C-alpha atoms as a PDB file:
ATOM      1  CA  MET A   1     -40.214 -99.595 138.182  1.00  0.00           C
ATOM      2  CA  LEU A   2     -39.863-100.274 141.862  1.00  0.00           C
ATOM      3  CA  LEU A   3     -42.095-103.295 143.266  1.00  0.00           C
ATOM      4  CA  LEU A   4     -42.661-103.385 146.621  1.00  0.00           C
ATOM      5  CA  ALA A   5     -44.197-106.133 148.822  1.00  0.00           C
ATOM      6  CA  ALA A   6     -47.654-106.189 149.997  1.00  0.00           C
ATOM      7  CA  GLY A   7     -48.855-106.346 153.579  1.00  0.00           C
ATOM      8  CA  PRO A   8     -50.757-109.089 155.042  1.00  0.00           C
ATOM      9  CA  ALA A   9     -53.655-109.877 153.271  1.00  0.00           C
ATOM     10  CA  LEU A  10     -57.371-110.234 155.039  1.00  0.00           C
ATOM     11  CA  ALA A  11     -60.223-112.095 154.332  1.00  0.00           C
ATOM     12  CA  GLN A  12     -60.944-113.077 151.026  1.00  0.00           C
ATOM     13  CA  PRO A  13     -64.160-113.615 148.659  1.00  0.00           C
ATOM     14  CA  PRO A  14     -66.443-116.713 148.975  1.00  0.00           C
ATOM     15  CA  PRO A  15     -65.022-119.544 146.682  1.00  0.00           C
ATOM     16  CA  GLU A  16     -67.410-119.518 144.157  1.00  0.00           C
ATOM     17  CA  ILE A  17     -67.385-115.304 143.844  1.00  0.00           C
ATOM     18  CA  ALA A  18     -63.393-115.892 144.021  1.00  0.00           C
ATOM     19  CA  ALA A  19     -63.389-118.384 141.085  1.00  0.00           C
ATOM     20  CA  GLY A  20     -65.307-115.864 138.585  1.00  0.00           C
ATOM     21  CA  LEU A  21     -62.857-112.969 140.002  1.00  0.00           C
ATOM     22  CA  ALA A  22     -59.806-114.859 139.368  1.00  0.00           C
ATOM     23  CA  ARG A  23     -61.409-115.965 135.642  1.00  0.00           C
ATOM     24  CA  ILE A  24     -61.987-112.038 134.964  1.00  0.00           C
ATOM     25  CA  GLY A  25     -58.136-111.250 135.899  1.00  0.00           C
ATOM     26  CA  ARG A  26     -56.189-108.082 136.847  1.00  0.00           C
ATOM     27  CA  VAL A  27     -58.068-106.105 134.549  1.00  0.00           C
ATOM     28  CA  ILE A  28     -61.151-103.375 135.250  1.00  0.00           C
ATOM     29  CA  ALA A  29     -64.380-105.042 134.052  1.00  0.00           C
ATOM     30  CA  PRO A  30     -67.382-103.735 135.483  1.00  0.00           C
ATOM     31  CA  PRO A  31     -69.632-105.884 133.283  1.00  0.00           C
ATOM     32  CA  PRO A  32     -68.687-109.655 134.397  1.00  0.00           C
ATOM     33  CA  THR A  33     -67.647-108.378 138.337  1.00  0.00           C
ATOM     34  CA  GLY A  34     -71.271-106.929 138.448  1.00  0.00           C
ATOM     35  CA  ALA A  35     -73.009-109.930 137.289  1.00  0.00           C
ATOM     36  CA  LEU A  36     -71.523-111.752 140.138  1.00  0.00           C
ATOM     37  CA  TYR A  37     -72.252-109.734 142.771  1.00  0.00           C
ATOM     38  CA  ALA A  38     -75.698-107.843 141.541  1.00  0.00           C
ATOM     39  CA  PRO A  39     -77.852-110.992 142.582  1.00  0.00           C
ATOM     40  CA  LEU A  40     -76.319-111.064 145.467  1.00  0.00           C
ATOM     41  CA  HIS A  41     -77.478-107.807 147.073  1.00  0.00           C
ATOM     42  CA  GLY A  42     -81.016-106.575 147.852  1.00  0.00           C
ATOM     43  CA  ARG A  43     -82.797-103.895 146.234  1.00  0.00           C
ATOM     44  CA  GLU A  44     -84.553-100.918 146.898  1.00  0.00           C
ATOM     45  CA  PRO A  45     -86.633-100.543 149.099  1.00  0.00           C
ATOM     46  CA  TRP A  46     -83.928-101.663 151.758  1.00  0.00           C
ATOM     47  CA  ASP A  47     -84.523-102.943 155.228  1.00  0.00           C
ATOM     48  CA  GLY A  48     -83.819-100.510 157.491  1.00  0.00           C
ATOM     49  CA  VAL A  49     -82.757 -98.028 155.281  1.00  0.00           C
ATOM     50  CA  ALA A  50     -84.131 -94.859 154.193  1.00  0.00           C
ATOM     51  CA  VAL A  51     -82.591 -92.713 150.996  1.00  0.00           C
ATOM     52  CA  THR A  52     -83.029 -88.921 150.230  1.00  0.00           C
ATOM     53  CA  ARG A  53     -82.351 -89.303 146.172  1.00  0.00           C
ATOM     54  CA  ASP A  54     -80.268 -86.649 144.080  1.00  0.00           C
ATOM     55  CA  ALA A  55     -80.285 -83.469 146.578  1.00  0.00           C
ATOM     56  CA  ARG A  56     -78.806 -80.519 144.844  1.00  0.00           C
ATOM     57  CA  TYR A  57     -75.554 -79.294 145.898  1.00  0.00           C
ATOM     58  CA  GLY A  58     -74.574 -77.150 143.164  1.00  0.00           C
ATOM     59  CA  THR A  59     -75.695 -76.028 139.567  1.00  0.00           C
ATOM     60  CA  ASP A  60     -74.703 -78.464 137.315  1.00  0.00           C
ATOM     61  CA  PRO A  61     -76.806 -81.515 136.342  1.00  0.00           C
ATOM     62  CA  ARG A  62     -74.207 -83.765 137.747  1.00  0.00           C
ATOM     63  CA  HIS A  63     -74.280 -81.946 141.360  1.00  0.00           C
ATOM     64  CA  ARG A  64     -76.457 -84.748 142.877  1.00  0.00           C
ATOM     65  CA  LEU A  65     -75.944 -86.525 145.915  1.00  0.00           C
ATOM     66  CA  ASP A  66     -78.092 -89.468 147.702  1.00  0.00           C
ATOM     67  CA  VAL A  67     -78.169 -89.395 151.530  1.00  0.00           C
ATOM     68  CA  PHE A  68     -78.487 -92.888 153.475  1.00  0.00           C
ATOM     69  CA  THR A  69     -79.767 -93.132 157.040  1.00  0.00           C
ATOM     70  CA  PRO A  70     -80.875 -95.718 159.302  1.00  0.00           C
ATOM     71  CA  ALA A  71     -85.068 -95.783 158.833  1.00  0.00           C
ATOM     72  CA  THR A  72     -85.240 -94.897 162.402  1.00  0.00           C
ATOM     73  CA  ARG A  73     -83.899 -91.623 163.399  1.00  0.00           C
ATOM     74  CA  PRO A  74     -80.616 -91.839 165.492  1.00  0.00           C
ATOM     75  CA  THR A  75     -80.900 -90.721 168.746  1.00  0.00           C
ATOM     76  CA  GLN A  76     -77.455 -88.742 168.351  1.00  0.00           C
ATOM     77  CA  PRO A  77     -75.708 -87.422 165.397  1.00  0.00           C
ATOM     78  CA  LEU A  78     -74.250 -90.278 163.488  1.00  0.00           C
ATOM     79  CA  PRO A  79     -70.647 -89.878 161.657  1.00  0.00           C
ATOM     80  CA  VAL A  80     -71.080 -89.329 158.225  1.00  0.00           C
ATOM     81  CA  LEU A  81     -69.206 -91.417 155.146  1.00  0.00           C
ATOM     82  CA  VAL A  82     -68.888 -89.346 152.260  1.00  0.00           C
ATOM     83  CA  PHE A  83     -68.082 -91.682 149.119  1.00  0.00           C
ATOM     84  CA  ILE A  84     -67.179 -90.565 145.968  1.00  0.00           C
ATOM     85  CA  HIS A  85     -67.564 -93.045 142.575  1.00  0.00           C
ATOM     86  CA  GLY A  86     -65.065 -93.892 140.179  1.00  0.00           C
ATOM     87  CA  GLY A  87     -65.066 -94.244 136.652  1.00  0.00           C
ATOM     88  CA  GLY A  88     -61.755 -93.367 135.116  1.00  0.00           C
ATOM     89  CA  PHE A  89     -62.380 -89.465 135.667  1.00  0.00           C
ATOM     90  CA  VAL A  90     -64.740 -89.847 132.223  1.00  0.00           C
ATOM     91  CA  ALA A  91     -67.488 -91.956 133.231  1.00  0.00           C
ATOM     92  CA  GLY A  92     -69.413 -92.879 136.307  1.00  0.00           C
ATOM     93  CA  ASP A  93     -72.021 -91.974 138.458  1.00  0.00           C
ATOM     94  CA  LYS A  94     -73.589 -92.423 142.152  1.00  0.00           C
ATOM     95  CA  GLN A  95     -75.957 -94.442 141.202  1.00  0.00           C
ATOM     96  CA  GLY A  96     -75.776 -97.689 138.072  1.00  0.00           C
ATOM     97  CA  PRO A  97     -78.343 -97.824 135.662  1.00  0.00           C
ATOM     98  CA  ASP A  98     -81.509 -99.822 135.299  1.00  0.00           C
ATOM     99  CA  GLY A  99     -81.881-100.743 138.908  1.00  0.00           C
ATOM    100  CA  SER A 100     -78.231-101.438 139.574  1.00  0.00           C
ATOM    101  CA  PRO A 101     -77.183-102.154 143.474  1.00  0.00           C
ATOM    102  CA  PHE A 102     -73.953 -99.988 142.842  1.00  0.00           C
ATOM    103  CA  TYR A 103     -72.770 -97.494 144.484  1.00  0.00           C
ATOM    104  CA  ALA A 104     -76.075 -97.688 146.499  1.00  0.00           C
ATOM    105  CA  ASN A 105     -74.560-100.827 148.353  1.00  0.00           C
ATOM    106  CA  VAL A 106     -72.065 -98.438 149.877  1.00  0.00           C
ATOM    107  CA  GLY A 107     -74.550 -96.045 151.085  1.00  0.00           C
ATOM    108  CA  VAL A 108     -77.010 -99.007 152.451  1.00  0.00           C
ATOM    109  CA  TRP A 109     -74.019-100.383 154.196  1.00  0.00           C
ATOM    110  CA  ALA A 110     -72.929 -97.349 155.999  1.00  0.00           C
ATOM    111  CA  ALA A 111     -76.492 -96.759 157.160  1.00  0.00           C
ATOM    112  CA  ARG A 112     -77.031-100.166 158.655  1.00  0.00           C
ATOM    113  CA  ASN A 113     -73.516 -99.816 160.443  1.00  0.00           C
ATOM    114  CA  GLY A 114     -73.863 -96.500 162.526  1.00  0.00           C
ATOM    115  CA  LEU A 115     -73.323 -93.929 159.726  1.00  0.00           C
ATOM    116  CA  ILE A 116     -74.769 -91.744 157.391  1.00  0.00           C
ATOM    117  CA  GLY A 117     -73.887 -92.419 153.713  1.00  0.00           C
ATOM    118  CA  VAL A 118     -73.695 -89.704 151.051  1.00  0.00           C
ATOM    119  CA  ASN A 119     -72.810 -90.377 147.592  1.00  0.00           C
ATOM    120  CA  ILE A 120     -72.156 -87.851 145.144  1.00  0.00           C
ATOM    121  CA  THR A 121     -72.041 -87.731 141.706  1.00  0.00           C
ATOM    122  CA  TYR A 122     -69.636 -85.187 139.820  1.00  0.00           C
ATOM    123  CA  ARG A 123     -68.522 -83.477 136.574  1.00  0.00           C
ATOM    124  CA  LEU A 124     -66.283 -85.372 134.386  1.00  0.00           C
ATOM    125  CA  ALA A 125     -63.344 -84.595 132.284  1.00  0.00           C
ATOM    126  CA  PRO A 126     -62.877 -83.789 129.228  1.00  0.00           C
ATOM    127  CA  ALA A 127     -65.285 -81.449 129.414  1.00  0.00           C
ATOM    128  CA  HIS A 128     -64.550 -80.751 133.025  1.00  0.00           C
ATOM    129  CA  PRO A 129     -60.846 -81.008 133.532  1.00  0.00           C
ATOM    130  CA  TYR A 130     -58.688 -80.448 136.898  1.00  0.00           C
ATOM    131  CA  PRO A 131     -59.883 -78.805 139.200  1.00  0.00           C
ATOM    132  CA  ALA A 132     -63.459 -79.217 138.510  1.00  0.00           C
ATOM    133  CA  ALA A 133     -63.979 -82.428 140.865  1.00  0.00           C
ATOM    134  CA  GLN A 134     -62.007 -80.872 143.617  1.00  0.00           C
ATOM    135  CA  GLU A 135     -64.720 -77.947 143.347  1.00  0.00           C
ATOM    136  CA  ASP A 136     -67.275 -80.481 143.360  1.00  0.00           C
ATOM    137  CA  VAL A 137     -66.067 -82.146 146.310  1.00  0.00           C
ATOM    138  CA  ALA A 138     -65.851 -78.783 148.180  1.00  0.00           C
ATOM    139  CA  ALA A 139     -69.456 -77.958 147.195  1.00  0.00           C
ATOM    140  CA  ALA A 140     -70.854 -81.283 148.339  1.00  0.00           C
ATOM    141  CA  LEU A 141     -68.772 -81.181 151.883  1.00  0.00           C
ATOM    142  CA  ALA A 142     -70.464 -77.927 152.134  1.00  0.00           C
ATOM    143  CA  TRP A 143     -73.707 -78.963 151.447  1.00  0.00           C
ATOM    144  CA  VAL A 144     -73.101 -81.870 154.021  1.00  0.00           C
ATOM    145  CA  SER A 145     -71.857 -79.329 156.349  1.00  0.00           C
ATOM    146  CA  ALA A 146     -74.926 -77.217 156.236  1.00  0.00           C
ATOM    147  CA  ASN A 147     -77.614 -80.138 155.880  1.00  0.00           C
ATOM    148  CA  ILE A 148     -76.875 -83.423 156.922  1.00  0.00           C
ATOM    149  CA  ALA A 149     -77.717 -82.712 160.911  1.00  0.00           C
ATOM    150  CA  ALA A 150     -81.436 -82.881 159.494  1.00  0.00           C
ATOM    151  CA  HIS A 151     -80.889 -86.372 158.487  1.00  0.00           C
ATOM    152  CA  GLY A 152     -79.109 -87.496 161.718  1.00  0.00           C
ATOM    153  CA  GLY A 153     -75.518 -86.507 160.668  1.00  0.00           C
ATOM    154  CA  ASP A 154     -72.647 -85.144 162.733  1.00  0.00           C
ATOM    155  CA  PRO A 155     -71.191 -82.083 160.338  1.00  0.00           C
ATOM    156  CA  ALA A 156     -68.065 -82.215 162.376  1.00  0.00           C
ATOM    157  CA  ARG A 157     -67.585 -86.092 161.933  1.00  0.00           C
ATOM    158  CA  VAL A 158     -67.207 -86.783 158.033  1.00  0.00           C
ATOM    159  CA  ILE A 159     -65.166 -89.131 156.527  1.00  0.00           C
ATOM    160  CA  LEU A 160     -63.894 -88.585 152.960  1.00  0.00           C
ATOM    161  CA  SER A 161     -63.888 -91.737 150.989  1.00  0.00           C
ATOM    162  CA  GLY A 162     -63.562 -92.740 147.401  1.00  0.00           C
ATOM    163  CA  HIS A 163     -62.674 -95.644 144.951  1.00  0.00           C
ATOM    164  CA  SER A 164     -60.649 -95.627 141.814  1.00  0.00           C
ATOM    165  CA  ALA A 165     -60.710 -91.987 140.292  1.00  0.00           C
ATOM    166  CA  GLY A 166     -62.776 -91.173 143.183  1.00  0.00           C
ATOM    167  CA  ALA A 167     -59.649 -91.912 145.509  1.00  0.00           C
ATOM    168  CA  ILE A 168     -57.860 -89.781 143.595  1.00  0.00           C
ATOM    169  CA  HIS A 169     -60.134 -86.992 143.585  1.00  0.00           C
ATOM    170  CA  ALA A 170     -60.198 -87.497 147.666  1.00  0.00           C
ATOM    171  CA  ALA A 171     -56.763 -87.479 147.669  1.00  0.00           C
ATOM    172  CA  LEU A 172     -56.136 -84.667 145.507  1.00  0.00           C
ATOM    173  CA  TYR A 173     -58.639 -82.527 147.928  1.00  0.00           C
ATOM    174  CA  ALA A 174     -56.809 -84.018 150.882  1.00  0.00           C
ATOM    175  CA  ALA A 175     -53.760 -82.670 149.590  1.00  0.00           C
ATOM    176  CA  GLU A 176     -54.400 -79.250 148.690  1.00  0.00           C
ATOM    177  CA  PRO A 177     -55.625 -77.065 151.595  1.00  0.00           C
ATOM    178  CA  ARG A 178     -56.408 -74.450 148.801  1.00  0.00           C
ATOM    179  CA  PHE A 179     -60.252 -76.408 148.073  1.00  0.00           C
ATOM    180  CA  HIS A 180     -61.376 -76.531 151.387  1.00  0.00           C
ATOM    181  CA  PRO A 181     -64.236 -74.433 151.908  1.00  0.00           C
ATOM    182  CA  ALA A 182     -64.188 -71.574 154.559  1.00  0.00           C
ATOM    183  CA  GLY A 183     -66.328 -72.265 157.294  1.00  0.00           C
ATOM    184  CA  VAL A 184     -66.870 -75.902 156.923  1.00  0.00           C
ATOM    185  CA  ALA A 185     -65.231 -78.708 159.180  1.00  0.00           C
ATOM    186  CA  PRO A 186     -62.444 -80.617 157.599  1.00  0.00           C
ATOM    187  CA  PRO A 187     -63.192 -84.154 157.154  1.00  0.00           C
ATOM    188  CA  VAL A 188     -62.170 -85.989 160.139  1.00  0.00           C
ATOM    189  CA  ALA A 189     -60.254 -89.171 158.101  1.00  0.00           C
ATOM    190  CA  TYR A 190     -60.030 -89.954 154.681  1.00  0.00           C
ATOM    191  CA  ALA A 191     -60.198 -93.425 152.705  1.00  0.00           C
ATOM    192  CA  PHE A 192     -58.563 -94.100 149.906  1.00  0.00           C
ATOM    193  CA  VAL A 193     -59.298 -97.685 148.139  1.00  0.00           C
ATOM    194  CA  SER A 194     -57.466 -98.271 145.063  1.00  0.00           C
ATOM    195  CA  GLY A 195     -56.134 -94.684 144.198  1.00  0.00           C
ATOM    196  CA  LEU A 196     -53.311 -93.487 142.270  1.00  0.00           C
ATOM    197  CA  PHE A 197     -51.051 -90.959 143.984  1.00  0.00           C
ATOM    198  CA  ASP A 198     -47.954 -90.189 142.255  1.00  0.00           C
ATOM    199  CA  PHE A 199     -48.269 -88.842 138.849  1.00  0.00           C
ATOM    200  CA  THR A 200     -44.640 -88.430 138.124  1.00  0.00           C
ATOM    201  CA  GLY A 201     -44.543 -92.045 136.621  1.00  0.00           C
ATOM    202  CA  PRO A 202     -44.731 -93.568 133.288  1.00  0.00           C
ATOM    203  CA  ASP A 203     -47.623 -95.320 134.284  1.00  0.00           C
ATOM    204  CA  MET A 204     -50.069 -92.580 133.603  1.00  0.00           C
ATOM    205  CA  ALA A 205     -53.063 -93.435 131.220  1.00  0.00           C
ATOM    206  CA  ALA A 206     -54.838 -91.626 128.354  1.00  0.00           C
ATOM    207  CA  ASN A 207     -57.991 -91.064 130.591  1.00  0.00           C
ATOM    208  CA  ASP A 208     -55.713 -89.689 133.672  1.00  0.00           C
ATOM    209  CA  ASN A 209     -54.395 -86.914 131.465  1.00  0.00           C
ATOM    210  CA  ALA A 210     -57.907 -86.120 130.237  1.00  0.00           C
ATOM    211  CA  TYR A 211     -58.592 -84.804 133.583  1.00  0.00           C
ATOM    212  CA  LEU A 212     -54.792 -84.180 135.093  1.00  0.00           C
ATOM    213  CA  GLY A 213     -53.686 -82.322 132.068  1.00  0.00           C
ATOM    214  CA  ALA A 214     -50.223 -81.606 130.859  1.00  0.00           C
ATOM    215  CA  GLU A 215     -49.639 -80.520 134.485  1.00  0.00           C
ATOM    216  CA  ALA A 216     -50.480 -84.070 135.553  1.00  0.00           C
ATOM    217  CA  ALA A 217     -46.644 -84.414 137.214  1.00  0.00           C
ATOM    218  CA  ALA A 218     -47.094 -81.271 139.207  1.00  0.00           C
ATOM    219  CA  ARG A 219     -50.511 -82.119 140.533  1.00  0.00           C
ATOM    220  CA  SER A 220     -49.311 -85.095 142.397  1.00  0.00           C
ATOM    221  CA  PRO A 221     -51.366 -85.263 145.655  1.00  0.00           C
ATOM    222  CA  LEU A 222     -48.564 -87.522 147.273  1.00  0.00           C
ATOM    223  CA  PRO A 223     -46.848 -84.538 148.346  1.00  0.00           C
ATOM    224  CA  GLY A 224     -49.750 -82.911 150.242  1.00  0.00           C
ATOM    225  CA  LEU A 225     -51.146 -86.078 151.758  1.00  0.00           C
ATOM    226  CA  THR A 226     -47.327 -86.265 153.562  1.00  0.00           C
ATOM    227  CA  ARG A 227     -48.620 -83.115 155.418  1.00  0.00           C
ATOM    228  CA  VAL A 228     -52.211 -84.136 156.130  1.00  0.00           C
ATOM    229  CA  THR A 229     -52.714 -84.613 159.466  1.00  0.00           C
ATOM    230  CA  GLN A 230     -56.128 -86.673 159.720  1.00  0.00           C
ATOM    231  CA  PRO A 231     -55.972 -90.521 159.739  1.00  0.00           C
ATOM    232  CA  ILE A 232     -55.765 -92.096 156.351  1.00  0.00           C
ATOM    233  CA  PHE A 233     -56.855 -95.877 154.752  1.00  0.00           C
ATOM    234  CA  LEU A 234     -55.450 -97.176 152.167  1.00  0.00           C
ATOM    235  CA  ALA A 235     -56.650-100.516 150.490  1.00  0.00           C
ATOM    236  CA  HIS A 236     -56.290-102.393 147.155  1.00  0.00           C
ATOM    237  CA  GLY A 237     -56.936-105.910 145.998  1.00  0.00           C
ATOM    238  CA  THR A 238     -54.185-108.503 144.931  1.00  0.00           C
ATOM    239  CA  LEU A 239     -56.332-108.134 141.650  1.00  0.00           C
ATOM    240  CA  ASP A 240     -56.029-104.791 140.804  1.00  0.00           C
ATOM    241  CA  PRO A 241     -54.205-103.704 137.949  1.00  0.00           C
ATOM    242  CA  GLU A 242     -50.513-103.362 139.170  1.00  0.00           C
ATOM    243  CA  ARG A 243     -50.264 -99.790 138.963  1.00  0.00           C
ATOM    244  CA  PHE A 244     -53.030 -99.347 141.531  1.00  0.00           C
ATOM    245  CA  VAL A 245     -51.156-102.036 143.991  1.00  0.00           C
ATOM    246  CA  GLN A 246     -47.830-100.143 143.457  1.00  0.00           C
ATOM    247  CA  HIS A 247     -49.327 -96.575 144.261  1.00  0.00           C
ATOM    248  CA  SER A 248     -51.244 -98.137 146.865  1.00  0.00           C
ATOM    249  CA  LEU A 249     -47.664 -99.592 148.614  1.00  0.00           C
ATOM    250  CA  ARG A 250     -45.939 -96.041 147.599  1.00  0.00           C
ATOM    251  CA  ALA A 251     -48.190 -94.022 149.294  1.00  0.00           C
ATOM    252  CA  ARG A 252     -47.989 -96.298 152.336  1.00  0.00           C
ATOM    253  CA  GLU A 253     -44.190 -96.057 152.352  1.00  0.00           C
ATOM    254  CA  ALA A 254     -44.131 -92.216 152.129  1.00  0.00           C
ATOM    255  CA  LEU A 255     -46.851 -91.641 154.657  1.00  0.00           C
ATOM    256  CA  CYS A 256     -44.708 -93.988 156.905  1.00  0.00           C
ATOM    257  CA  ALA A 257     -41.406 -91.783 156.040  1.00  0.00           C
ATOM    258  CA  ALA A 258     -43.375 -88.645 157.121  1.00  0.00           C
ATOM    259  CA  GLY A 259     -44.479 -90.083 160.662  1.00  0.00           C
ATOM    260  CA  ARG A 260     -48.101 -90.614 159.569  1.00  0.00           C
ATOM    261  CA  CYS A 261     -48.279 -94.233 158.794  1.00  0.00           C
ATOM    262  CA  PRO A 262     -51.781 -95.163 157.255  1.00  0.00           C
ATOM    263  CA  THR A 263     -54.058 -98.003 158.180  1.00  0.00           C
ATOM    264  CA  ALA A 264     -53.290-100.492 155.161  1.00  0.00           C
ATOM    265  CA  VAL A 265     -54.846-103.436 153.900  1.00  0.00           C
ATOM    266  CA  THR A 266     -54.431-105.657 151.334  1.00  0.00           C
ATOM    267  CA  LEU A 267     -57.640-107.444 150.084  1.00  0.00           C
ATOM    268  CA  GLU A 268     -56.885-111.113 149.187  1.00  0.00           C
ATOM    269  CA  GLY A 269     -58.383-112.060 145.495  1.00  0.00           C
ATOM    270  CA  HIS A 270     -60.052-109.393 145.373  1.00  0.00           C
ATOM    271  CA  SER A 271     -60.351-107.097 142.082  1.00  0.00           C
ATOM    272  CA  HIS A 272     -60.576-103.402 140.958  1.00  0.00           C
ATOM    273  CA  ILE A 273     -64.364-103.747 140.942  1.00  0.00           C
ATOM    274  CA  SER A 274     -65.152-106.331 143.184  1.00  0.00           C
ATOM    275  CA  GLU A 275     -63.957-104.650 146.341  1.00  0.00           C
ATOM    276  CA  VAL A 276     -66.824-102.189 146.292  1.00  0.00           C
ATOM    277  CA  TYR A 277     -69.307-104.331 144.627  1.00  0.00           C
ATOM    278  CA  ALA A 278     -68.768-106.478 147.895  1.00  0.00           C
ATOM    279  CA  ILE A 279     -69.466-103.775 150.475  1.00  0.00           C
ATOM    280  CA  GLY A 280     -72.827-104.828 152.136  1.00  0.00           C
ATOM    281  CA  MET A 281     -72.161-108.697 151.655  1.00  0.00           C
ATOM    282  CA  ALA A 282     -70.779-111.241 153.916  1.00  0.00           C
ATOM    283  CA  ASP A 283     -67.265-110.996 152.540  1.00  0.00           C
ATOM    284  CA  THR A 284     -66.058-108.386 155.036  1.00  0.00           C
ATOM    285  CA  SER A 285     -62.681-108.119 153.581  1.00  0.00           C
ATOM    286  CA  LEU A 286     -63.217-103.946 153.185  1.00  0.00           C
ATOM    287  CA  THR A 287     -65.560-103.344 155.332  1.00  0.00           C
ATOM    288  CA  ALA A 288     -64.229-105.034 158.425  1.00  0.00           C
ATOM    289  CA  PRO A 289     -61.078-102.644 158.702  1.00  0.00           C
ATOM    290  CA  LEU A 290     -63.196 -99.811 157.138  1.00  0.00           C
ATOM    291  CA  LEU A 291     -65.670 -99.494 160.150  1.00  0.00           C
ATOM    292  CA  ALA A 292     -62.894 -99.895 162.527  1.00  0.00           C
ATOM    293  CA  PHE A 293     -60.671 -97.188 161.054  1.00  0.00           C
ATOM    294  CA  ILE A 294     -63.917 -94.984 161.343  1.00  0.00           C
ATOM    295  CA  ARG A 295     -64.887 -95.937 164.894  1.00  0.00           C
ATOM    296  CA  ARG A 296     -61.224 -95.789 166.162  1.00  0.00           C
END
């Protein structure tokens, strides 16, 4: 497989966290990574943040979303960051169990930084294969379009983001206009953190195929992404499993070749899980460039 050189790295985790991440290594390991970060996050209720839980955007039990807003209603409508969680296509939720701060930390960070945060849960494989999640993203964005103004958000300024499988779902949605609901303003930008974008290679896993099926190669979002006119943000960690690093770099290369260079960030010392578990902490490896991208 062709290996591409990474770009300049940005800020790093603090030393004690970095040491823990280095011990865990380049693997996808939510429990030990969560043990490093969970004690450092605040718990609900959060100062300065209000949350509306489990708004229904469809009929399935997993058609739920949470809305995070500043506790004081803004005087002007705010941009909206819609976040899609990961989980290898077959697991995951917008809110972890037993008081976990993940992934509420994403919405809390958004609300504390001049945004409205929306975290969505969606249907999972293998019971719900492609394109179920893209249909769910479309339904969630339609809900945002119809309802977010009541929460202080601007339905014309939506940024669609995702991590891992969530980044893949966001990329598949962005790449395929047939998923975009009529009468709904398209996202103004996309942010993909450690996604996979080219399904034609030998590095696809069983979980990937559980969602994408036998036609996975034909469903690669990368060709469609090169035609997306909205700005794109790409990020990966230096401790990501290698295939996520290479997919991010190949996506950057393809987008630049198409004249649509993305904002591309390398997260020094971060793993596949820590890059999002660190959102809302003093370590702004991801959040500083992401916020600058949103505010550009």
